[in-house]
Amino acid sequence: MNLYELLKKHFGFHSFRKGQEEVIRSILSGQHTISVLPTGTGKSLCYQLPGYILNGTVIIVSPLLSLMQDQVEHLKINGEKRVVALNSFLNVNERKKIFRSLSEYRFIYISPEMLTNQLLLQSLKKLKVSLFVVDEAHCISQWGHDFRPDYLRLKEIRTVLGNPVTLALTATATEDVRNDIIQYLNLKNVTQLINSVDRPNISLVIEELSNKMNKINKLLELVKQLKKPGIIYFSSKRTSEEMAILLRKKGIANAAAYHGGMDQEQRILIQQQFLNNQLQVICATSAFGMGINKENIRFVIHFHMPYQIESYLQEIGRAGRDGNKSIAILLYTPGDEFIPLHMFEKELPSDNQIEKYYSLNIKGHHTADLMLSDVQSRFLSYYKGISENNNELILKVKSIRDIRIRYKQEKLKEMLHWIKEHRCRRLGILEYFNEVQSIPLMRCCDICGLNMNDFLSNDREWIENEKMNWQSMLSNLLLRGD
């Protein structure tokens, strides 16, 4: 078996990117594997190529609809017909039809919530699962306890499926997060292949502004001047919408907002417009970006700070996937840290909600009047079986909630310390992940020194990129013949 011949045959590549071959050989030798590969280095190839070698079905657990849809479309463009995504886009009849024909698929993409469907699980049990993949596996640790508790059930799913060889993929994972992944997937004898989280072609800048108005003006100035396309991240859905409108009104950029409060069709449309260079700038919440395969993003700006360094790295990693110079700019105003602190309190249930939820459940009453968010509802539902005694249950769930809030507060402190520390930005991130800086960089960060002119645009560049993009799209359509 020649991996390079198969790589050329199925994907048209002559060589592997750094880290890919080691992961693939580990899987083919039957080893459970955790792989940390930087964003944009081709993690999906690490399970797609083995899918053509192993005898059986590859199941890929994917956290976001946009992520799995993007992967499915890319495989189909490459000529793979035996691929399907199981998600809420499917109507009941489509879902039943796929359930009946699961054995016909080589790659099955699925959300962790869908894996709780007992009918689907019974159908999956009949398959020979050659590889079980958890994509964006850091979500097990970061989201599992509250935002997506069904991640914590994946070890049960693995057991039901016969404990197949498992690959956990992520771009950012500290040792603690990797230990969480091993624990929550119940993996034994795991091979860990850890690559540097560093993206040397992304320059890092932090700029402190005295107030919000100065920050808005700085943002407008940056977006006007920087090479595009780019992404601006906000903590607030409303602010993302307002800023997209402002950018368009000022004639600065062809911009659109993207956040979790929009309907799916609208989000997909905006995503596709951005991928096809019809939009220059996306004003987004953290709901945007995971799995977005756009190589030429030149800047990522954070208008609001993420609450943890891992999220920051995930989000800036959307820039510069083509290897060309890009820039990540974080705009900080004193007091910005109170936004995530307030969100921590709001996103998990209050004492009153916890008490009423479990009391109403015991009495058989509906809990709709509690006005729970989706996150709060999932959190309370997941933990309702941890004790038969209601008073004990309430105390335990309050304790779990408090531990999660303290965990997030500590992560926020680490992020704030990195922002305010007056030394090399890159070095601070590498030390956080227990790495050392290998070589000094020309365009490292604002502390080490960089020339902002390297990142400024000229108007013709956008026009030429758009022209090339349409030529590429036309060429692809003609080649596909559909």
Protein backbone atom coordinates (compact mmCIF):
# COMPACT_ATOMS: atom_id res chain seq x y z
CA MET A 1 0.00 0.00 0.00
CA ASN A 2 1.59 3.26 -1.15
CA LEU A 3 0.07 6.20 0.72
CA TYR A 4 1.48 8.70 -1.75
CA GLU A 5 -0.16 6.95 -4.72
CA LEU A 6 -3.49 6.92 -2.88
CA LEU A 7 -3.04 10.58 -1.92
CA LYS A 8 -2.54 11.47 -5.57
CA LYS A 9 -5.37 9.23 -6.77
CA HIS A 10 -8.07 10.44 -4.38
CA PHE A 11 -7.03 14.03 -3.61
CA GLY A 12 -4.60 15.07 -6.34
CA PHE A 13 -1.79 15.92 -3.89
CA HIS A 14 1.82 14.80 -4.30
CA SER A 15 2.86 15.24 -0.67
CA PHE A 16 1.41 15.45 2.81
CA ARG A 17 1.30 18.59 4.91
CA LYS A 18 3.16 18.57 8.19
CA GLY A 19 1.66 16.09 10.66
CA GLN A 20 -0.83 14.42 8.30
CA GLU A 21 1.16 11.30 7.41
CA GLU A 22 1.98 10.50 11.05
CA VAL A 23 -1.71 10.67 12.00
CA ILE A 24 -2.78 8.48 9.06
CA ARG A 25 -0.15 5.81 9.78
CA SER A 26 -1.17 5.76 13.45
CA ILE A 27 -4.82 5.15 12.50
CA LEU A 28 -3.93 2.46 9.97
CA SER A 29 -1.90 0.65 12.63
CA GLY A 30 -5.07 0.44 14.76
CA GLN A 31 -4.10 3.08 17.33
CA HIS A 32 -6.56 5.42 19.01
CA THR A 33 -5.10 8.81 18.17
CA ILE A 34 -5.35 12.39 19.40
CA SER A 35 -3.98 14.86 16.89
CA VAL A 36 -3.36 18.56 17.43
CA LEU A 37 -2.84 20.21 14.04
CA PRO A 38 -3.00 23.98 13.50
CA THR A 39 -6.10 25.40 11.84
CA GLY A 40 -5.80 25.30 8.06
CA THR A 41 -3.35 22.39 7.85
CA GLY A 42 -5.78 19.85 6.40
CA LYS A 43 -7.10 17.87 9.37
CA SER A 44 -9.94 16.32 7.35
CA LEU A 45 -7.48 14.45 5.11
CA CYS A 46 -6.32 12.57 8.22
CA TYR A 47 -9.55 10.55 8.25
CA GLN A 48 -10.67 10.86 4.64
CA LEU A 49 -7.64 9.07 3.19
CA PRO A 50 -7.89 6.15 5.69
CA GLY A 51 -11.57 5.93 4.68
CA TYR A 52 -10.40 4.70 1.26
CA ILE A 53 -8.09 2.10 2.82
CA LEU A 54 -10.01 0.69 5.78
CA ASN A 55 -12.79 -1.81 5.23
CA GLY A 56 -15.87 -0.23 6.75
CA THR A 57 -17.67 3.02 7.51
CA VAL A 58 -16.09 6.19 8.85
CA ILE A 59 -18.32 8.10 11.28
CA ILE A 60 -17.39 11.73 11.81
CA VAL A 61 -18.92 13.57 14.77
CA SER A 62 -19.00 17.23 13.81
CA PRO A 63 -20.13 20.14 16.02
CA LEU A 64 -21.66 22.52 13.48
CA LEU A 65 -24.00 22.12 10.51
CA SER A 66 -21.92 24.47 8.39
CA LEU A 67 -18.81 22.45 9.16
CA MET A 68 -20.27 19.10 8.09
CA GLN A 69 -22.00 20.56 5.03
CA ASP A 70 -18.71 22.08 3.90
CA GLN A 71 -16.86 18.77 4.30
CA VAL A 72 -19.57 16.82 2.47
CA GLU A 73 -19.57 19.26 -0.44
CA HIS A 74 -15.79 19.06 -0.78
CA LEU A 75 -15.86 15.27 -0.87
CA LYS A 76 -18.60 15.31 -3.50
CA ILE A 77 -16.61 17.75 -5.63
CA ASN A 78 -13.71 15.28 -5.39
CA GLY A 79 -16.01 12.61 -6.82
CA GLU A 80 -17.04 10.82 -3.62
CA LYS A 81 -20.72 9.84 -3.81
CA ARG A 82 -20.86 7.63 -0.71
CA VAL A 83 -21.01 10.49 1.78
CA VAL A 84 -23.91 11.90 3.79
CA ALA A 85 -24.56 14.44 6.54
CA LEU A 86 -27.19 13.61 9.15
CA ASN A 87 -28.51 16.87 10.53
CA SER A 88 -31.62 19.01 10.99
CA PHE A 89 -31.60 20.07 7.31
CA LEU A 90 -33.14 16.69 6.46
CA ASN A 91 -36.90 16.25 6.53
CA VAL A 92 -38.48 13.14 8.08
CA ASN A 93 -38.71 11.19 4.79
CA GLU A 94 -35.11 11.99 3.82
CA ARG A 95 -33.94 10.92 7.25
CA LYS A 96 -35.82 7.60 7.13
CA LYS A 97 -34.48 6.86 3.65
CA ILE A 98 -30.89 7.45 4.80
CA PHE A 99 -31.40 5.38 7.96
CA ARG A 100 -32.45 2.43 5.78
CA SER A 101 -29.40 2.71 3.53
CA LEU A 102 -26.61 3.60 5.95
CA SER A 103 -24.48 0.66 4.81
CA GLU A 104 -24.14 2.28 1.38
CA TYR A 105 -22.12 5.20 2.74
CA ARG A 106 -18.37 5.34 3.24
CA PHE A 107 -18.43 8.61 5.24
CA ILE A 108 -21.24 9.55 7.63
CA TYR A 109 -21.11 13.03 9.17
CA ILE A 110 -23.28 13.47 12.21
CA SER A 111 -23.89 15.85 15.14
CA PRO A 112 -23.49 14.58 18.74
CA GLU A 113 -27.19 15.32 19.37
CA MET A 114 -28.25 13.15 16.43
CA LEU A 115 -26.39 10.21 17.98
CA THR A 116 -28.94 10.16 20.80
CA ASN A 117 -31.60 9.06 18.28
CA GLN A 118 -32.18 5.41 19.23
CA LEU A 119 -33.46 4.42 15.79
CA LEU A 120 -30.29 5.78 14.20
CA LEU A 121 -28.11 4.15 16.83
CA GLN A 122 -29.67 0.76 16.18
CA SER A 123 -28.98 1.22 12.46
CA LEU A 124 -25.37 2.26 13.10
CA LYS A 125 -24.82 -0.80 15.30
CA LYS A 126 -25.33 -3.00 12.24
CA LEU A 127 -22.45 -1.33 10.39
CA LYS A 128 -18.80 -2.21 10.48
CA VAL A 129 -17.40 1.06 11.81
CA SER A 130 -13.73 1.17 10.82
CA LEU A 131 -13.04 4.64 12.25
CA PHE A 132 -14.84 6.91 14.72
CA VAL A 133 -13.77 10.53 14.33
CA VAL A 134 -14.44 13.40 16.72
CA ASP A 135 -13.71 16.59 14.79
CA GLU A 136 -13.00 19.79 16.75
CA ALA A 137 -12.48 17.53 19.77
CA HIS A 138 -11.66 20.43 22.10
CA CYS A 139 -15.44 20.95 22.17
CA ILE A 140 -15.64 17.92 24.49
CA SER A 141 -13.83 19.90 27.15
CA GLN A 142 -14.92 23.46 26.34
CA TRP A 143 -18.57 22.85 25.48
CA GLY A 144 -19.38 19.42 26.83
CA HIS A 145 -20.45 20.37 30.31
CA ASP A 146 -22.92 23.07 29.38
CA PHE A 147 -23.28 24.22 25.76
CA ARG A 148 -23.24 20.74 24.17
CA PRO A 149 -23.56 18.12 26.95
CA ASP A 150 -24.18 15.37 24.39
CA TYR A 151 -20.42 15.42 23.78
CA LEU A 152 -20.10 13.72 27.17
CA ARG A 153 -22.16 10.78 25.86
CA LEU A 154 -19.72 9.93 23.07
CA LYS A 155 -17.97 7.26 25.12
CA GLU A 156 -21.32 5.46 25.47
CA ILE A 157 -21.80 5.72 21.70
CA ARG A 158 -18.33 4.27 21.12
CA THR A 159 -19.21 1.32 23.35
CA VAL A 160 -22.46 0.69 21.47
CA LEU A 161 -20.52 0.76 18.18
CA GLY A 162 -17.99 -1.80 19.43
CA ASN A 163 -15.20 0.58 20.52
CA PRO A 164 -13.84 1.28 17.03
CA VAL A 165 -10.47 2.91 16.38
CA THR A 166 -10.97 6.55 17.29
CA LEU A 167 -9.38 9.76 16.03
CA ALA A 168 -9.82 12.99 17.98
CA LEU A 169 -8.84 16.07 15.97
CA THR A 170 -8.33 19.62 17.17
CA ALA A 171 -6.24 22.70 16.45
CA THR A 172 -5.91 23.80 20.08
CA ALA A 173 -5.64 21.58 23.13
CA THR A 174 -3.62 22.04 26.30
CA GLU A 175 -2.59 18.95 28.23
CA ASP A 176 -5.66 19.34 30.48
CA VAL A 177 -7.98 19.44 27.45
CA ARG A 178 -6.29 16.37 25.93
CA ASN A 179 -6.79 14.54 29.24
CA ASP A 180 -10.48 15.52 29.13
CA ILE A 181 -10.75 14.11 25.60
CA ILE A 182 -9.17 10.80 26.68
CA GLN A 183 -11.45 10.58 29.73
CA TYR A 184 -14.71 11.49 28.03
CA LEU A 185 -14.08 9.20 25.06
CA ASN A 186 -12.82 6.43 27.37
CA LEU A 187 -9.74 5.82 25.23
CA LYS A 188 -7.05 3.31 26.19
CA ASN A 189 -3.47 3.23 24.84
CA VAL A 190 -3.75 6.52 22.98
CA THR A 191 -1.14 7.88 20.60
CA GLN A 192 -0.87 11.66 20.95
CA LEU A 193 0.56 13.53 17.96
CA ILE A 194 1.00 17.13 19.00
CA ASN A 195 2.08 19.82 16.55
CA SER A 196 2.75 23.45 17.35
CA VAL A 197 -0.28 25.72 17.64
CA ASP A 198 1.80 28.53 16.11
CA ARG A 199 0.85 30.06 12.76
CA PRO A 200 3.99 32.04 11.85
CA ASN A 201 2.34 33.80 8.89
CA ILE A 202 -0.25 35.47 11.18
CA SER A 203 1.07 38.62 12.86
CA LEU A 204 -0.46 39.44 16.25
CA VAL A 205 -1.51 42.93 17.35
CA ILE A 206 -3.26 44.16 20.49
CA GLU A 207 -4.33 47.80 20.64
CA GLU A 208 -5.83 49.38 23.75
CA LEU A 209 -8.41 52.15 23.21
CA SER A 210 -9.71 54.41 25.95
CA ASN A 211 -13.44 54.09 25.18
CA LYS A 212 -15.98 52.43 22.89
CA MET A 213 -16.25 55.34 20.44
CA ASN A 214 -12.48 55.35 19.90
CA LYS A 215 -12.67 51.61 19.37
CA ILE A 216 -15.39 51.95 16.72
CA ASN A 217 -13.41 54.64 14.91
CA LYS A 218 -10.29 52.48 15.01
CA LEU A 219 -12.21 49.54 13.64
CA LEU A 220 -13.58 51.59 10.74
CA GLU A 221 -10.07 52.87 9.98
CA LEU A 222 -8.60 49.36 10.02
CA VAL A 223 -11.27 47.78 7.83
CA LYS A 224 -10.95 50.62 5.32
CA GLN A 225 -7.18 50.16 5.06
CA LEU A 226 -6.52 46.44 5.47
CA LYS A 227 -6.30 43.90 2.67
CA LYS A 228 -9.51 41.93 2.43
CA PRO A 229 -11.39 39.63 2.90
CA GLY A 230 -11.59 39.59 6.66
CA ILE A 231 -13.64 38.60 9.71
CA ILE A 232 -14.54 40.82 12.68
CA TYR A 233 -15.63 39.03 15.86
CA PHE A 234 -18.13 40.45 18.36
CA SER A 235 -19.66 39.08 21.57
CA SER A 236 -23.02 40.66 20.76
CA LYS A 237 -25.38 39.71 17.93
CA ARG A 238 -26.81 43.23 17.87
CA THR A 239 -23.37 44.87 17.66
CA SER A 240 -22.36 42.58 14.79
CA GLU A 241 -25.47 43.65 12.84
CA GLU A 242 -25.01 47.35 13.63
CA MET A 243 -21.36 47.28 12.58
CA ALA A 244 -22.12 45.52 9.28
CA ILE A 245 -24.69 48.25 8.51
CA LEU A 246 -22.22 50.99 9.48
CA LEU A 247 -19.46 49.54 7.25
CA ARG A 248 -21.82 49.45 4.29
CA LYS A 249 -23.19 52.96 4.94
CA LYS A 250 -19.68 54.36 5.11
CA GLY A 251 -18.81 52.62 1.85
CA ILE A 252 -15.88 50.94 3.58
CA ALA A 253 -16.67 47.31 2.75
CA ASN A 254 -19.28 44.98 1.35
CA ALA A 255 -20.14 43.54 4.75
CA ALA A 256 -22.75 41.26 6.34
CA ALA A 257 -23.52 40.05 9.85
CA TYR A 258 -23.53 36.39 10.88
CA HIS A 259 -24.72 35.00 14.21
CA GLY A 260 -26.60 32.13 15.80
CA GLY A 261 -29.86 34.07 15.95
CA MET A 262 -30.26 34.02 12.17
CA ASP A 263 -32.18 31.27 10.40
CA GLN A 264 -30.17 28.47 8.77
CA GLU A 265 -30.88 29.45 5.17
CA GLN A 266 -29.73 33.01 5.79
CA ARG A 267 -26.54 31.83 7.47
CA ILE A 268 -25.74 29.43 4.64
CA LEU A 269 -26.34 32.17 2.06
CA ILE A 270 -23.97 34.59 3.82
CA GLN A 271 -21.37 31.88 4.26
CA GLN A 272 -21.49 31.01 0.55
CA GLN A 273 -21.34 34.69 -0.47
CA PHE A 274 -18.22 35.10 1.66
CA LEU A 275 -16.61 31.94 0.28
CA ASN A 276 -17.31 33.16 -3.26
CA ASN A 277 -15.85 36.64 -2.62
CA GLN A 278 -19.23 38.36 -2.98
CA LEU A 279 -18.74 39.69 0.55
CA GLN A 280 -15.52 41.29 1.74
CA VAL A 281 -16.13 41.33 5.48
CA ILE A 282 -18.15 39.23 7.91
CA CYS A 283 -19.20 40.81 11.23
CA ALA A 284 -19.70 37.69 13.28
CA THR A 285 -20.15 36.14 16.66
CA SER A 286 -18.21 32.99 17.52
CA ALA A 287 -20.93 31.03 15.65
CA PHE A 288 -19.06 31.80 12.41
CA GLY A 289 -15.88 30.25 11.12
CA MET A 290 -15.42 26.72 12.40
CA GLY A 291 -14.70 24.60 9.35
CA ILE A 292 -14.90 27.54 6.92
CA ASN A 293 -12.49 26.55 4.17
CA LYS A 294 -11.50 29.93 2.76
CA GLU A 295 -7.80 30.23 2.13
CA ASN A 296 -7.36 33.95 1.45
CA ILE A 297 -8.70 35.60 4.61
CA ARG A 298 -6.22 38.40 5.26
CA PHE A 299 -7.33 39.71 8.64
CA VAL A 300 -9.23 38.73 11.75
CA ILE A 301 -10.19 41.54 14.14
CA HIS A 302 -11.62 41.00 17.61
CA PHE A 303 -13.83 43.92 18.59
CA HIS A 304 -14.60 42.05 21.82
CA MET A 305 -12.09 39.76 23.52
CA PRO A 306 -12.76 36.00 23.59
CA TYR A 307 -12.95 34.59 27.09
CA GLN A 308 -10.08 32.15 26.59
CA ILE A 309 -6.85 31.82 24.65
CA GLU A 310 -8.03 28.59 22.96
CA SER A 311 -11.01 30.38 21.40
CA TYR A 312 -8.79 33.26 20.30
CA LEU A 313 -6.44 30.86 18.49
CA GLN A 314 -9.32 29.01 16.86
CA GLU A 315 -10.75 32.26 15.53
CA ILE A 316 -7.54 33.90 14.30
CA GLY A 317 -6.66 30.57 12.67
CA ARG A 318 -9.21 31.31 9.96
CA ALA A 319 -6.74 33.80 8.50
CA GLY A 320 -3.89 33.00 6.15
CA ARG A 321 -4.67 29.40 5.30
CA ASP A 322 -2.90 29.95 1.98
CA GLY A 323 0.33 30.54 3.90
CA ASN A 324 0.52 34.22 2.94
CA LYS A 325 0.99 37.00 5.47
CA SER A 326 -2.11 37.88 7.47
CA ILE A 327 -2.87 39.82 10.61
CA ALA A 328 -4.90 39.30 13.79
CA ILE A 329 -5.83 42.46 15.70
CA LEU A 330 -7.49 42.53 19.11
CA LEU A 331 -9.02 45.85 20.14
CA TYR A 332 -9.23 46.19 23.92
CA THR A 333 -11.02 48.78 26.03
CA PRO A 334 -10.70 48.64 29.85
CA GLY A 335 -13.81 46.92 31.14
CA ASP A 336 -14.26 44.63 28.13
CA GLU A 337 -13.74 41.67 30.48
CA PHE A 338 -17.08 42.38 32.16
CA ILE A 339 -18.92 41.30 28.98
CA PRO A 340 -17.89 37.61 29.22
CA LEU A 341 -18.26 37.71 33.02
CA HIS A 342 -21.87 38.78 32.57
CA MET A 343 -22.38 36.10 29.91
CA PHE A 344 -21.09 33.37 32.26
CA GLU A 345 -23.82 34.29 34.72
CA LYS A 346 -26.56 34.40 32.07
CA GLU A 347 -25.78 31.30 29.99
CA LEU A 348 -26.08 28.80 32.86
CA PRO A 349 -29.25 28.45 35.00
CA SER A 350 -29.77 30.51 38.15
CA ASP A 351 -30.46 29.00 41.59
CA ASN A 352 -34.16 29.74 41.11
CA GLN A 353 -34.27 28.06 37.68
CA ILE A 354 -32.47 24.96 38.99
CA GLU A 355 -34.81 24.61 41.96
CA LYS A 356 -38.00 25.13 39.95
CA TYR A 357 -36.90 22.94 37.02
CA TYR A 358 -36.33 19.82 39.11
CA SER A 359 -39.34 20.48 41.38
CA LEU A 360 -41.64 20.81 38.34
CA ASN A 361 -40.18 17.70 36.75
CA ILE A 362 -40.85 15.65 39.86
CA LYS A 363 -44.47 16.86 39.92
CA GLY A 364 -44.86 16.11 36.20
CA HIS A 365 -45.45 19.75 35.28
CA HIS A 366 -44.11 21.53 32.21
CA THR A 367 -41.07 23.78 32.58
CA ALA A 368 -41.82 26.13 29.66
CA ASP A 369 -42.71 29.01 31.98
CA LEU A 370 -39.11 29.09 33.30
CA MET A 371 -38.03 30.85 30.08
CA LEU A 372 -34.91 28.69 29.75
CA SER A 373 -32.44 29.24 26.94
CA ASP A 374 -31.41 26.22 24.85
CA VAL A 375 -28.11 26.02 26.74
CA GLN A 376 -29.81 26.18 30.14
CA SER A 377 -32.37 23.58 29.12
CA ARG A 378 -29.72 21.14 27.80
CA PHE A 379 -27.63 21.63 30.93
CA LEU A 380 -30.52 20.90 33.30
CA SER A 381 -31.81 17.99 31.23
CA TYR A 382 -28.40 16.31 31.09
CA TYR A 383 -27.83 16.33 34.84
CA LYS A 384 -31.33 15.44 36.03
CA GLY A 385 -30.42 11.76 36.53
CA ILE A 386 -27.36 12.18 38.77
CA SER A 387 -29.36 11.77 42.00
CA GLU A 388 -32.75 10.30 42.95
CA ASN A 389 -33.10 12.65 45.90
CA ASN A 390 -34.39 15.98 44.63
CA ASN A 391 -32.73 18.17 47.28
CA GLU A 392 -29.42 16.40 46.74
CA LEU A 393 -29.85 16.73 42.96
CA ILE A 394 -30.40 20.49 43.22
CA LEU A 395 -27.29 20.92 45.39
CA LYS A 396 -25.15 18.83 43.03
CA VAL A 397 -26.27 20.71 39.92
CA LYS A 398 -25.65 24.08 41.60
CA SER A 399 -22.16 22.86 42.49
CA ILE A 400 -21.48 21.70 38.90
CA ARG A 401 -22.68 25.07 37.59
CA ASP A 402 -20.46 26.97 40.04
CA ILE A 403 -17.43 24.88 39.08
CA ARG A 404 -18.04 25.67 35.39
CA ILE A 405 -18.36 29.38 36.09
CA ARG A 406 -15.12 29.38 38.12
CA TYR A 407 -13.38 27.48 35.32
CA LYS A 408 -14.45 30.10 32.79
CA GLN A 409 -13.43 32.92 35.12
CA GLU A 410 -9.95 31.43 35.38
CA LYS A 411 -9.73 31.13 31.60
CA LEU A 412 -10.75 34.78 31.31
CA LYS A 413 -8.03 35.80 33.79
CA GLU A 414 -5.45 34.01 31.64
CA MET A 415 -6.72 35.79 28.53
CA LEU A 416 -6.66 39.18 30.26
CA HIS A 417 -3.15 38.56 31.58
CA TRP A 418 -1.96 37.81 28.04
CA ILE A 419 -3.60 41.00 26.70
CA LYS A 420 -2.04 43.25 29.33
CA GLU A 421 1.39 41.62 29.44
CA HIS A 422 3.87 43.87 27.64
CA ARG A 423 6.02 41.24 25.93
CA CYS A 424 6.02 39.16 22.74
CA ARG A 425 2.42 38.13 22.04
CA ARG A 426 3.43 34.90 20.31
CA LEU A 427 5.73 33.85 23.12
CA GLY A 428 2.89 34.23 25.63
CA ILE A 429 0.63 31.96 23.59
CA LEU A 430 3.33 29.34 23.04
CA GLU A 431 4.14 29.24 26.75
CA TYR A 432 0.45 28.75 27.52
CA PHE A 433 0.60 25.55 25.44
CA ASN A 434 3.99 24.57 26.94
CA GLU A 435 5.82 25.31 23.70
CA VAL A 436 9.00 27.21 22.98
CA GLN A 437 9.56 29.63 20.12
CA SER A 438 11.82 28.02 17.55
CA ILE A 439 12.93 30.97 15.40
CA PRO A 440 12.39 34.75 15.58
CA LEU A 441 9.95 36.10 12.99
CA MET A 442 10.13 39.20 10.82
CA ARG A 443 6.46 40.14 11.36
CA CYS A 444 5.82 38.64 14.77
CA CYS A 445 3.68 41.08 16.76
CA ASP A 446 3.22 44.71 17.80
CA ILE A 447 5.70 44.25 20.66
CA CYS A 448 8.46 42.74 18.54
CA GLY A 449 7.77 45.19 15.73
CA LEU A 450 5.99 44.97 12.40
CA ASN A 451 5.20 47.26 9.50
CA MET A 452 1.46 47.81 9.11
CA ASN A 453 2.02 48.78 5.47
CA ASP A 454 2.58 45.07 4.78
CA PHE A 455 -1.11 44.47 5.45
CA LEU A 456 -2.70 47.45 3.71
CA SER A 457 -4.82 47.06 0.60
CA ASN A 458 -5.13 48.58 -2.80
CA ASP A 459 -8.52 48.59 -4.49
CA ARG A 460 -7.40 46.70 -7.59
CA GLU A 461 -6.43 43.68 -5.50
CA TRP A 462 -10.06 43.03 -4.53
CA ILE A 463 -11.23 43.39 -8.15
CA GLU A 464 -8.58 40.95 -9.40
CA ASN A 465 -9.36 38.42 -6.65
CA GLU A 466 -13.08 38.57 -7.48
CA LYS A 467 -12.36 38.12 -11.21
CA MET A 468 -10.09 35.12 -10.52
CA ASN A 469 -12.70 33.63 -8.21
CA TRP A 470 -15.45 33.73 -10.85
CA GLN A 471 -13.09 32.21 -13.41
CA SER A 472 -12.26 29.44 -10.94
CA MET A 473 -15.96 28.79 -10.21
CA LEU A 474 -16.77 28.58 -13.94
CA SER A 475 -13.86 26.21 -14.50
CA ASN A 476 -15.04 23.95 -11.65
CA LEU A 477 -18.59 23.84 -13.04
CA LEU A 478 -17.34 22.89 -16.49
CA LEU A 479 -15.06 20.19 -15.10
CA ARG A 480 -17.83 18.71 -12.96
CA GLY A 481 -20.22 18.62 -15.91
CA ASP A 482 -23.31 19.16 -13.78
